[in-house]
Amino acid sequence: MAGTFKIKKNAGGKYYFSLIAGNGEIVATGQPYASKEGAIKGTEAVQRASDGAKVVEED
């Protein structure tokens, strides 16, 4: 099952997103944004950046 982005407002009035896995666990959280629109654009940026992204191991 595909993940879901949830947009929430924090106690300081900023918006952020969390990426929720199919099992309900949070797997990523975005930075705080001044607006809900900014948080939505953040999710879109993550989607674009992760499409075909490689995994690189660093020791």
Protein backbone atom coordinates (compact mmCIF):
# COMPACT_ATOMS: atom_id res chain seq x y z
CA MET A 1 0.00 0.00 0.00
CA ALA A 2 1.30 3.46 -0.90
CA GLY A 3 2.13 5.98 1.78
CA THR A 4 0.09 9.05 2.64
CA PHE A 5 1.21 12.62 3.29
CA LYS A 6 -0.61 14.27 6.20
CA ILE A 7 -0.47 18.04 6.68
CA LYS A 8 -0.74 19.31 10.25
CA LYS A 9 -0.27 22.58 12.13
CA ASN A 10 2.13 22.65 15.08
CA ALA A 11 1.71 24.54 18.36
CA GLY A 12 3.56 27.54 16.90
CA GLY A 13 1.10 27.86 14.02
CA LYS A 14 3.46 26.47 11.35
CA TYR A 15 2.46 23.71 8.96
CA TYR A 16 4.43 20.51 8.40
CA PHE A 17 3.91 17.20 6.68
CA SER A 18 4.45 13.63 7.75
CA LEU A 19 4.77 10.70 5.39
CA ILE A 20 2.77 7.80 6.80
CA ALA A 21 3.56 4.25 5.65
CA GLY A 22 0.86 1.72 4.85
CA ASN A 23 1.23 0.24 8.34
CA GLY A 24 0.51 3.64 9.96
CA GLU A 25 4.07 4.45 11.00
CA ILE A 26 5.60 7.87 10.36
CA VAL A 27 8.59 7.38 8.05
CA ALA A 28 9.45 11.04 7.35
CA THR A 29 8.57 14.50 8.60
CA GLY A 30 9.10 17.77 6.75
CA GLN A 31 10.35 21.10 8.03
CA PRO A 32 7.93 23.73 9.33
CA TYR A 33 6.32 25.95 6.67
CA ALA A 34 4.59 29.30 7.15
CA SER A 35 1.57 28.20 5.11
CA LYS A 36 -0.38 25.09 4.30
CA GLU A 37 0.39 25.70 0.62
CA GLY A 38 4.09 25.66 1.44
CA ALA A 39 3.76 22.30 3.18
CA ILE A 40 1.87 20.89 0.19
CA LYS A 41 4.62 22.12 -2.14
CA GLY A 42 7.10 20.41 0.19
CA THR A 43 5.33 17.09 -0.29
CA GLU A 44 5.43 17.58 -4.05
CA ALA A 45 9.17 18.29 -3.90
CA VAL A 46 9.76 15.08 -1.93
CA GLN A 47 7.73 13.10 -4.45
CA ARG A 48 9.77 14.51 -7.36
CA ALA A 49 13.12 14.05 -5.61
CA SER A 50 12.43 10.47 -4.55
CA ASP A 51 11.24 9.22 -7.94
CA GLY A 52 14.01 6.81 -8.91
CA ALA A 53 16.28 7.93 -6.07
CA LYS A 54 19.28 5.72 -5.35
CA VAL A 55 20.29 4.38 -1.96
CA VAL A 56 23.88 5.27 -1.11
CA GLU A 57 25.59 3.68 1.88
CA GLU A 58 28.12 5.70 3.82
CA ASP A 59 30.36 4.23 6.49
